[in-house]
PDB file of all heavy atoms in Angstrom:
ATOM      1  N   LEU A   1       0.826  -1.166   0.045  1.00  0.00           N
ATOM      2  CA  LEU A   1      -0.028  -0.018   0.012  1.00  0.00           C
ATOM      3  C   LEU A   1       0.872   1.249  -0.009  1.00  0.00           C
ATOM      4  O   LEU A   1       0.585   2.201  -0.687  1.00  0.00           O
ATOM      5  CB  LEU A   1      -0.898  -0.023   1.264  1.00  0.00           C
ATOM      6  CG  LEU A   1      -1.861   1.194   1.396  1.00  0.00           C
ATOM      7  CD1 LEU A   1      -2.760   1.343   0.145  1.00  0.00           C
ATOM      8  CD2 LEU A   1      -2.678   0.986   2.632  1.00  0.00           C
ATOM      9  N   ALA A   2       1.968   1.263   0.787  1.00  0.00           N
ATOM     10  CA  ALA A   2       2.873   2.441   0.793  1.00  0.00           C
ATOM     11  C   ALA A   2       3.445   2.622  -0.569  1.00  0.00           C
ATOM     12  O   ALA A   2       3.540   3.788  -1.051  1.00  0.00           O
ATOM     13  CB  ALA A   2       3.949   2.199   1.765  1.00  0.00           C
ATOM     14  N   ARG A   3       3.813   1.595  -1.264  1.00  0.00           N
ATOM     15  CA  ARG A   3       4.348   1.687  -2.660  1.00  0.00           C
ATOM     16  C   ARG A   3       3.263   2.082  -3.608  1.00  0.00           C
ATOM     17  O   ARG A   3       3.499   3.023  -4.479  1.00  0.00           O
ATOM     18  CB  ARG A   3       4.971   0.370  -3.074  1.00  0.00           C
ATOM     19  CG  ARG A   3       5.592   0.416  -4.486  1.00  0.00           C
ATOM     20  CD  ARG A   3       6.209  -0.915  -4.878  1.00  0.00           C
ATOM     21  NE  ARG A   3       7.328  -1.268  -4.024  1.00  0.00           N
ATOM     22  CZ  ARG A   3       7.384  -2.259  -3.182  1.00  0.00           C
ATOM     23  NH1 ARG A   3       6.264  -2.977  -3.017  1.00  0.00           N
ATOM     24  NH2 ARG A   3       8.458  -2.434  -2.413  1.00  0.00           N
ATOM     25  N   ARG A   4       2.089   1.441  -3.607  1.00  0.00           N
ATOM     26  CA  ARG A   4       1.102   1.722  -4.566  1.00  0.00           C
ATOM     27  C   ARG A   4       0.666   3.201  -4.517  1.00  0.00           C
ATOM     28  O   ARG A   4       0.478   3.835  -5.517  1.00  0.00           O
ATOM     29  CB  ARG A   4      -0.114   0.797  -4.309  1.00  0.00           C
ATOM     30  CG  ARG A   4      -1.353   1.140  -5.076  1.00  0.00           C
ATOM     31  CD  ARG A   4      -1.344   0.705  -6.517  1.00  0.00           C
ATOM     32  NE  ARG A   4      -1.274  -0.781  -6.578  1.00  0.00           N
ATOM     33  CZ  ARG A   4      -1.056  -1.418  -7.684  1.00  0.00           C
ATOM     34  NH1 ARG A   4      -0.811  -0.827  -8.822  1.00  0.00           N
ATOM     35  NH2 ARG A   4      -1.016  -2.779  -7.700  1.00  0.00           N
ATOM     36  N   GLY A   5       0.407   3.649  -3.301  1.00  0.00           N
ATOM     37  CA  GLY A   5      -0.165   5.042  -3.111  1.00  0.00           C
ATOM     38  C   GLY A   5       0.793   6.092  -2.823  1.00  0.00           C
ATOM     39  O   GLY A   5       0.397   7.263  -2.676  1.00  0.00           O
ATOM     40  N   ASP A   6       2.112   5.785  -2.657  1.00  0.00           N
ATOM     41  CA  ASP A   6       3.130   6.741  -2.233  1.00  0.00           C
ATOM     42  C   ASP A   6       2.594   7.401  -0.946  1.00  0.00           C
ATOM     43  O   ASP A   6       2.524   8.636  -0.848  1.00  0.00           O
ATOM     44  CB  ASP A   6       3.418   7.801  -3.311  1.00  0.00           C
ATOM     45  CG  ASP A   6       4.630   8.678  -2.955  1.00  0.00           C
ATOM     46  OD1 ASP A   6       5.526   8.169  -2.240  1.00  0.00           O
ATOM     47  OD2 ASP A   6       4.656   9.861  -3.404  1.00  0.00           O
ATOM     48  N   VAL A   7       2.237   6.537  -0.016  1.00  0.00           N
ATOM     49  CA  VAL A   7       1.775   7.029   1.345  1.00  0.00           C
ATOM     50  C   VAL A   7       2.587   6.325   2.428  1.00  0.00           C
ATOM     51  O   VAL A   7       3.337   5.417   2.192  1.00  0.00           O
ATOM     52  CB  VAL A   7       0.264   6.603   1.513  1.00  0.00           C
ATOM     53  CG1 VAL A   7      -0.587   7.304   0.515  1.00  0.00           C
ATOM     54  CG2 VAL A   7       0.109   5.105   1.408  1.00  0.00           C
ATOM     55  N   VAL A   8       2.508   6.910   3.605  1.00  0.00           N
ATOM     56  CA  VAL A   8       3.080   6.338   4.839  1.00  0.00           C
ATOM     57  C   VAL A   8       2.011   5.538   5.577  1.00  0.00           C
ATOM     58  O   VAL A   8       0.961   6.079   5.854  1.00  0.00           O
ATOM     59  CB  VAL A   8       3.690   7.389   5.698  1.00  0.00           C
ATOM     60  CG1 VAL A   8       4.228   6.789   7.005  1.00  0.00           C
ATOM     61  CG2 VAL A   8       4.773   8.178   4.979  1.00  0.00           C
ATOM     62  N   VAL A   9       2.239   4.258   5.826  1.00  0.00           N
ATOM     63  CA  VAL A   9       1.244   3.389   6.459  1.00  0.00           C
ATOM     64  C   VAL A   9       1.727   3.107   7.835  1.00  0.00           C
ATOM     65  O   VAL A   9       2.910   2.751   8.115  1.00  0.00           O
ATOM     66  CB  VAL A   9       1.034   2.060   5.647  1.00  0.00           C
ATOM     67  CG1 VAL A   9       0.101   1.157   6.362  1.00  0.00           C
ATOM     68  CG2 VAL A   9       0.571   2.416   4.238  1.00  0.00           C
ATOM     69  N   ILE A  10       0.830   3.164   8.828  1.00  0.00           N
ATOM     70  CA  ILE A  10       1.070   2.899  10.230  1.00  0.00           C
ATOM     71  C   ILE A  10       0.099   1.902  10.713  1.00  0.00           C
ATOM     72  O   ILE A  10      -1.128   2.021  10.510  1.00  0.00           O
ATOM     73  CB  ILE A  10       1.053   4.193  11.058  1.00  0.00           C
ATOM     74  CG1 ILE A  10       2.237   5.096  10.601  1.00  0.00           C
ATOM     75  CG2 ILE A  10       1.162   3.853  12.520  1.00  0.00           C
ATOM     76  CD1 ILE A  10       2.172   6.449  11.300  1.00  0.00           C
ATOM     77  N   THR A  11       0.563   0.852  11.493  1.00  0.00           N
ATOM     78  CA  THR A  11      -0.300   0.016  12.234  1.00  0.00           C
ATOM     79  C   THR A  11       0.105   0.141  13.695  1.00  0.00           C
ATOM     80  O   THR A  11       1.268   0.471  14.005  1.00  0.00           O
ATOM     81  CB  THR A  11      -0.265  -1.463  11.749  1.00  0.00           C
ATOM     82  OG1 THR A  11       0.986  -2.024  12.007  1.00  0.00           O
ATOM     83  CG2 THR A  11      -0.518  -1.544  10.238  1.00  0.00           C
ATOM     84  N   LEU A  12      -0.775  -0.271  14.616  1.00  0.00           N
ATOM     85  CA  LEU A  12      -0.427  -0.158  16.022  1.00  0.00           C
ATOM     86  C   LEU A  12      -1.161  -1.166  16.932  1.00  0.00           C
ATOM     87  O   LEU A  12      -2.166  -1.714  16.522  1.00  0.00           O
ATOM     88  CB  LEU A  12      -0.762   1.252  16.480  1.00  0.00           C
ATOM     89  CG  LEU A  12      -2.194   1.708  16.420  1.00  0.00           C
ATOM     90  CD1 LEU A  12      -2.944   1.633  17.719  1.00  0.00           C
ATOM     91  CD2 LEU A  12      -2.273   3.188  15.817  1.00  0.00           C
ATOM     92  N   ASN A  13      -0.640  -1.363  18.076  1.00  0.00           N
ATOM     93  CA  ASN A  13      -1.238  -2.096  19.159  1.00  0.00           C
ATOM     94  C   ASN A  13      -1.747  -1.105  20.236  1.00  0.00           C
ATOM     95  O   ASN A  13      -1.149  -0.133  20.447  1.00  0.00           O
ATOM     96  CB  ASN A  13      -0.270  -3.112  19.751  1.00  0.00           C
ATOM     97  CG  ASN A  13       0.176  -4.137  18.770  1.00  0.00           C
ATOM     98  OD1 ASN A  13      -0.430  -4.349  17.693  1.00  0.00           O
ATOM     99  ND2 ASN A  13       1.280  -4.878  19.106  1.00  0.00           N
ATOM    100  N   HIS A  14      -2.828  -1.505  20.895  1.00  0.00           N
ATOM    101  CA  HIS A  14      -3.351  -0.691  22.018  1.00  0.00           C
ATOM    102  C   HIS A  14      -4.001  -1.650  22.962  1.00  0.00           C
ATOM    103  O   HIS A  14      -4.212  -2.861  22.681  1.00  0.00           O
ATOM    104  CB  HIS A  14      -4.286   0.363  21.502  1.00  0.00           C
ATOM    105  CG  HIS A  14      -5.495  -0.168  20.820  1.00  0.00           C
ATOM    106  ND1 HIS A  14      -6.671  -0.595  21.477  1.00  0.00           N
ATOM    107  CD2 HIS A  14      -5.766  -0.356  19.479  1.00  0.00           C
ATOM    108  CE1 HIS A  14      -7.514  -0.940  20.593  1.00  0.00           C
ATOM    109  NE2 HIS A  14      -7.031  -0.865  19.390  1.00  0.00           N
ATOM    110  N   ARG A  15      -4.383  -1.163  24.123  1.00  0.00           N
ATOM    111  CA  ARG A  15      -5.019  -1.970  25.131  1.00  0.00           C
ATOM    112  C   ARG A  15      -6.378  -2.456  24.750  1.00  0.00           C
ATOM    113  O   ARG A  15      -7.158  -1.681  24.114  1.00  0.00           O
ATOM    114  CB  ARG A  15      -5.052  -1.202  26.465  1.00  0.00           C
ATOM    115  CG  ARG A  15      -3.740  -1.205  27.226  1.00  0.00           C
ATOM    116  CD  ARG A  15      -3.774  -0.338  28.422  1.00  0.00           C
ATOM    117  NE  ARG A  15      -3.760   1.116  28.133  1.00  0.00           N
ATOM    118  CZ  ARG A  15      -3.785   2.074  29.014  1.00  0.00           C
ATOM    119  NH1 ARG A  15      -3.805   1.745  30.314  1.00  0.00           N
ATOM    120  NH2 ARG A  15      -3.765   3.296  28.632  1.00  0.00           N
ATOM    121  N   LEU A  16      -6.722  -3.644  25.123  1.00  0.00           N
ATOM    122  CA  LEU A  16      -7.970  -4.331  24.727  1.00  0.00           C
ATOM    123  C   LEU A  16      -8.697  -4.927  25.937  1.00  0.00           C
ATOM    124  O   LEU A  16      -8.100  -5.055  27.021  1.00  0.00           O
ATOM    125  CB  LEU A  16      -7.675  -5.398  23.720  1.00  0.00           C
ATOM    126  CG  LEU A  16      -6.941  -5.032  22.386  1.00  0.00           C
ATOM    127  CD1 LEU A  16      -6.421  -6.266  21.706  1.00  0.00           C
ATOM    128  CD2 LEU A  16      -7.888  -4.242  21.485  1.00  0.00           C
ATOM    129  N   GLY A  17      -9.899  -5.312  25.755  1.00  0.00           N
ATOM    130  CA  GLY A  17     -10.694  -5.941  26.795  1.00  0.00           C
ATOM    131  C   GLY A  17     -10.738  -5.175  28.045  1.00  0.00           C
ATOM    132  O   GLY A  17     -10.849  -3.932  28.023  1.00  0.00           O
ATOM    133  N   ALA A  18     -10.717  -5.862  29.133  1.00  0.00           N
ATOM    134  CA  ALA A  18     -10.771  -5.167  30.472  1.00  0.00           C
ATOM    135  C   ALA A  18      -9.559  -4.226  30.642  1.00  0.00           C
ATOM    136  O   ALA A  18      -9.703  -3.160  31.262  1.00  0.00           O
ATOM    137  CB  ALA A  18     -10.792  -6.148  31.562  1.00  0.00           C
ATOM    138  N   LEU A  19      -8.430  -4.572  30.059  1.00  0.00           N
ATOM    139  CA  LEU A  19      -7.271  -3.708  30.176  1.00  0.00           C
ATOM    140  C   LEU A  19      -7.465  -2.330  29.557  1.00  0.00           C
ATOM    141  O   LEU A  19      -6.949  -1.311  29.998  1.00  0.00           O
ATOM    142  CB  LEU A  19      -6.048  -4.386  29.581  1.00  0.00           C
ATOM    143  CG  LEU A  19      -5.527  -5.607  30.285  1.00  0.00           C
ATOM    144  CD1 LEU A  19      -4.463  -6.339  29.465  1.00  0.00           C
ATOM    145  CD2 LEU A  19      -4.995  -5.350  31.649  1.00  0.00           C
ATOM    146  N   GLY A  20      -8.243  -2.332  28.510  1.00  0.00           N
ATOM    147  CA  GLY A  20      -8.485  -1.145  27.773  1.00  0.00           C
ATOM    148  C   GLY A  20      -9.796  -0.391  28.039  1.00  0.00           C
ATOM    149  O   GLY A  20      -9.896   0.792  27.845  1.00  0.00           O
ATOM    150  N   TYR A  21     -10.820  -1.157  28.550  1.00  0.00           N
ATOM    151  CA  TYR A  21     -12.133  -0.596  28.636  1.00  0.00           C
ATOM    152  C   TYR A  21     -12.918  -0.960  29.867  1.00  0.00           C
ATOM    153  O   TYR A  21     -14.132  -0.904  29.897  1.00  0.00           O
ATOM    154  CB  TYR A  21     -12.985  -1.115  27.370  1.00  0.00           C
ATOM    155  CG  TYR A  21     -12.229  -0.721  26.139  1.00  0.00           C
ATOM    156  CD1 TYR A  21     -11.526  -1.652  25.378  1.00  0.00           C
ATOM    157  CD2 TYR A  21     -12.320   0.568  25.655  1.00  0.00           C
ATOM    158  CE1 TYR A  21     -10.902  -1.235  24.202  1.00  0.00           C
ATOM    159  CE2 TYR A  21     -11.683   0.989  24.483  1.00  0.00           C
ATOM    160  CZ  TYR A  21     -10.887   0.069  23.763  1.00  0.00           C
ATOM    161  OH  TYR A  21     -10.277   0.429  22.667  1.00  0.00           O
ATOM    162  N   LEU A  22     -12.181  -1.263  31.002  1.00  0.00           N
ATOM    163  CA  LEU A  22     -12.860  -1.498  32.270  1.00  0.00           C
ATOM    164  C   LEU A  22     -13.272  -0.161  32.803  1.00  0.00           C
ATOM    165  O   LEU A  22     -12.499   0.832  32.959  1.00  0.00           O
ATOM    166  CB  LEU A  22     -11.984  -2.233  33.232  1.00  0.00           C
ATOM    167  CG  LEU A  22     -12.634  -2.541  34.539  1.00  0.00           C
ATOM    168  CD1 LEU A  22     -13.651  -3.661  34.370  1.00  0.00           C
ATOM    169  CD2 LEU A  22     -11.670  -2.936  35.646  1.00  0.00           C
ATOM    170  N   TYR A  23     -14.573   0.004  33.162  1.00  0.00           N
ATOM    171  CA  TYR A  23     -15.094   1.223  33.821  1.00  0.00           C
ATOM    172  C   TYR A  23     -14.888   1.237  35.247  1.00  0.00           C
ATOM    173  O   TYR A  23     -15.511   0.370  35.967  1.00  0.00           O
ATOM    174  CB  TYR A  23     -16.564   1.340  33.427  1.00  0.00           C
ATOM    175  CG  TYR A  23     -17.232   2.617  33.875  1.00  0.00           C
ATOM    176  CD1 TYR A  23     -16.897   3.852  33.425  1.00  0.00           C
ATOM    177  CD2 TYR A  23     -18.225   2.576  34.900  1.00  0.00           C
ATOM    178  CE1 TYR A  23     -17.442   5.021  33.763  1.00  0.00           C
ATOM    179  CE2 TYR A  23     -18.773   3.786  35.369  1.00  0.00           C
ATOM    180  CZ  TYR A  23     -18.427   5.009  34.744  1.00  0.00           C
ATOM    181  OH  TYR A  23     -19.012   6.165  35.164  1.00  0.00           O
ATOM    182  N   THR A  24     -14.008   2.031  35.755  1.00  0.00           N
ATOM    183  CA  THR A  24     -13.697   2.037  37.199  1.00  0.00           C
ATOM    184  C   THR A  24     -14.454   3.094  37.938  1.00  0.00           C
ATOM    185  O   THR A  24     -14.229   3.340  39.159  1.00  0.00           O
ATOM    186  CB  THR A  24     -12.149   2.212  37.430  1.00  0.00           C
ATOM    187  OG1 THR A  24     -11.776   3.413  36.759  1.00  0.00           O
ATOM    188  CG2 THR A  24     -11.451   1.003  36.811  1.00  0.00           C
ATOM    189  N   GLY A  25     -15.362   3.786  37.313  1.00  0.00           N
ATOM    190  CA  GLY A  25     -16.271   4.746  37.962  1.00  0.00           C
ATOM    191  C   GLY A  25     -15.951   6.149  37.726  1.00  0.00           C
ATOM    192  O   GLY A  25     -14.693   6.545  37.464  1.00  0.00           O
ATOM    193  N   SER A  26     -16.948   6.961  37.702  1.00  0.00           N
ATOM    194  CA  SER A  26     -16.743   8.427  37.491  1.00  0.00           C
ATOM    195  C   SER A  26     -15.757   9.013  38.534  1.00  0.00           C
ATOM    196  O   SER A  26     -15.870   8.801  39.722  1.00  0.00           O
ATOM    197  CB  SER A  26     -18.101   9.163  37.624  1.00  0.00           C
ATOM    198  OG  SER A  26     -17.901  10.535  37.444  1.00  0.00           O
ATOM    199  N   GLY A  27     -14.716   9.712  38.051  1.00  0.00           N
ATOM    200  CA  GLY A  27     -13.782  10.321  38.860  1.00  0.00           C
ATOM    201  C   GLY A  27     -12.619   9.462  39.326  1.00  0.00           C
ATOM    202  O   GLY A  27     -11.680   9.951  39.953  1.00  0.00           O
ATOM    203  N   ALA A  28     -12.736   8.155  39.051  1.00  0.00           N
ATOM    204  CA  ALA A  28     -11.693   7.270  39.456  1.00  0.00           C
ATOM    205  C   ALA A  28     -10.401   7.540  38.735  1.00  0.00           C
ATOM    206  O   ALA A  28      -9.291   7.476  39.334  1.00  0.00           O
ATOM    207  CB  ALA A  28     -12.129   5.843  39.281  1.00  0.00           C
ATOM    208  N   ASN A  29     -10.421   7.719  37.454  1.00  0.00           N
ATOM    209  CA  ASN A  29      -9.319   8.111  36.713  1.00  0.00           C
ATOM    210  C   ASN A  29      -9.756   8.805  35.414  1.00  0.00           C
ATOM    211  O   ASN A  29     -10.897   8.685  35.056  1.00  0.00           O
ATOM    212  CB  ASN A  29      -8.350   6.937  36.412  1.00  0.00           C
ATOM    213  CG  ASN A  29      -8.907   5.918  35.459  1.00  0.00           C
ATOM    214  OD1 ASN A  29      -9.166   6.195  34.334  1.00  0.00           O
ATOM    215  ND2 ASN A  29      -9.165   4.745  36.013  1.00  0.00           N
ATOM    216  N   GLU A  30      -8.907   9.412  34.700  1.00  0.00           N
ATOM    217  CA  GLU A  30      -9.244  10.265  33.600  1.00  0.00           C
ATOM    218  C   GLU A  30      -9.578   9.419  32.341  1.00  0.00           C
ATOM    219  O   GLU A  30     -10.048   9.983  31.323  1.00  0.00           O
ATOM    220  CB  GLU A  30      -8.106  11.237  33.227  1.00  0.00           C
ATOM    221  CG  GLU A  30      -7.774  12.227  34.341  1.00  0.00           C
ATOM    222  CD  GLU A  30      -6.592  13.053  34.042  1.00  0.00           C
ATOM    223  OE1 GLU A  30      -6.131  12.989  32.887  1.00  0.00           O
ATOM    224  OE2 GLU A  30      -6.100  13.774  34.920  1.00  0.00           O
ATOM    225  N   SER A  31      -9.394   8.135  32.351  1.00  0.00           N
ATOM    226  CA  SER A  31      -9.660   7.325  31.188  1.00  0.00           C
ATOM    227  C   SER A  31     -10.663   6.240  31.434  1.00  0.00           C
ATOM    228  O   SER A  31     -10.829   5.326  30.624  1.00  0.00           O
ATOM    229  CB  SER A  31      -8.386   6.664  30.699  1.00  0.00           C
ATOM    230  OG  SER A  31      -7.876   5.722  31.672  1.00  0.00           O
ATOM    231  N   SER A  32     -11.401   6.326  32.517  1.00  0.00           N
ATOM    232  CA  SER A  32     -12.314   5.268  32.938  1.00  0.00           C
ATOM    233  C   SER A  32     -13.201   4.754  31.832  1.00  0.00           C
ATOM    234  O   SER A  32     -13.983   5.497  31.288  1.00  0.00           O
ATOM    235  CB  SER A  32     -13.130   5.691  34.135  1.00  0.00           C
ATOM    236  OG  SER A  32     -13.904   4.606  34.637  1.00  0.00           O
ATOM    237  N   GLY A  33     -13.002   3.469  31.449  1.00  0.00           N
ATOM    238  CA  GLY A  33     -13.741   2.859  30.438  1.00  0.00           C
ATOM    239  C   GLY A  33     -13.300   3.134  28.989  1.00  0.00           C
ATOM    240  O   GLY A  33     -13.851   2.583  28.106  1.00  0.00           O
ATOM    241  N   ASN A  34     -12.312   3.947  28.818  1.00  0.00           N
ATOM    242  CA  ASN A  34     -11.818   4.358  27.494  1.00  0.00           C
ATOM    243  C   ASN A  34     -10.355   4.412  27.301  1.00  0.00           C
ATOM    244  O   ASN A  34      -9.806   5.062  26.415  1.00  0.00           O
ATOM    245  CB  ASN A  34     -12.384   5.705  27.146  1.00  0.00           C
ATOM    246  CG  ASN A  34     -13.932   5.651  26.970  1.00  0.00           C
ATOM    247  OD1 ASN A  34     -14.480   4.973  26.179  1.00  0.00           O
ATOM    248  ND2 ASN A  34     -14.634   6.493  27.787  1.00  0.00           N
ATOM    249  N   ALA A  35      -9.561   3.708  28.185  1.00  0.00           N
ATOM    250  CA  ALA A  35      -8.124   3.774  28.077  1.00  0.00           C
ATOM    251  C   ALA A  35      -7.595   3.358  26.710  1.00  0.00           C
ATOM    252  O   ALA A  35      -6.690   3.902  26.212  1.00  0.00           O
ATOM    253  CB  ALA A  35      -7.458   2.938  29.139  1.00  0.00           C
ATOM    254  N   GLY A  36      -8.198   2.282  26.104  1.00  0.00           N
ATOM    255  CA  GLY A  36      -7.848   1.841  24.798  1.00  0.00           C
ATOM    256  C   GLY A  36      -8.008   2.888  23.754  1.00  0.00           C
ATOM    257  O   GLY A  36      -7.130   2.976  22.784  1.00  0.00           O
ATOM    258  N   MET A  37      -9.037   3.677  23.809  1.00  0.00           N
ATOM    259  CA  MET A  37      -9.219   4.760  22.829  1.00  0.00           C
ATOM    260  C   MET A  37      -8.195   5.869  23.057  1.00  0.00           C
ATOM    261  O   MET A  37      -7.674   6.465  22.061  1.00  0.00           O
ATOM    262  CB  MET A  37     -10.606   5.312  22.946  1.00  0.00           C
ATOM    263  CG  MET A  37     -11.727   4.320  22.622  1.00  0.00           C
ATOM    264  SD  MET A  37     -11.533   3.448  20.989  1.00  0.00           S
ATOM    265  CE  MET A  37     -11.523   4.849  19.823  1.00  0.00           C
TER     266      MET A  37
END
């Protein structure tokens, strides 16, 4: 794809499941339920 389109392609890993999306409650931390995003 980088060659075909003369573009820079990036893939990535991020937190998933409970590690990324456990809701620890309002005010518990700044990413509660959305750390993976």
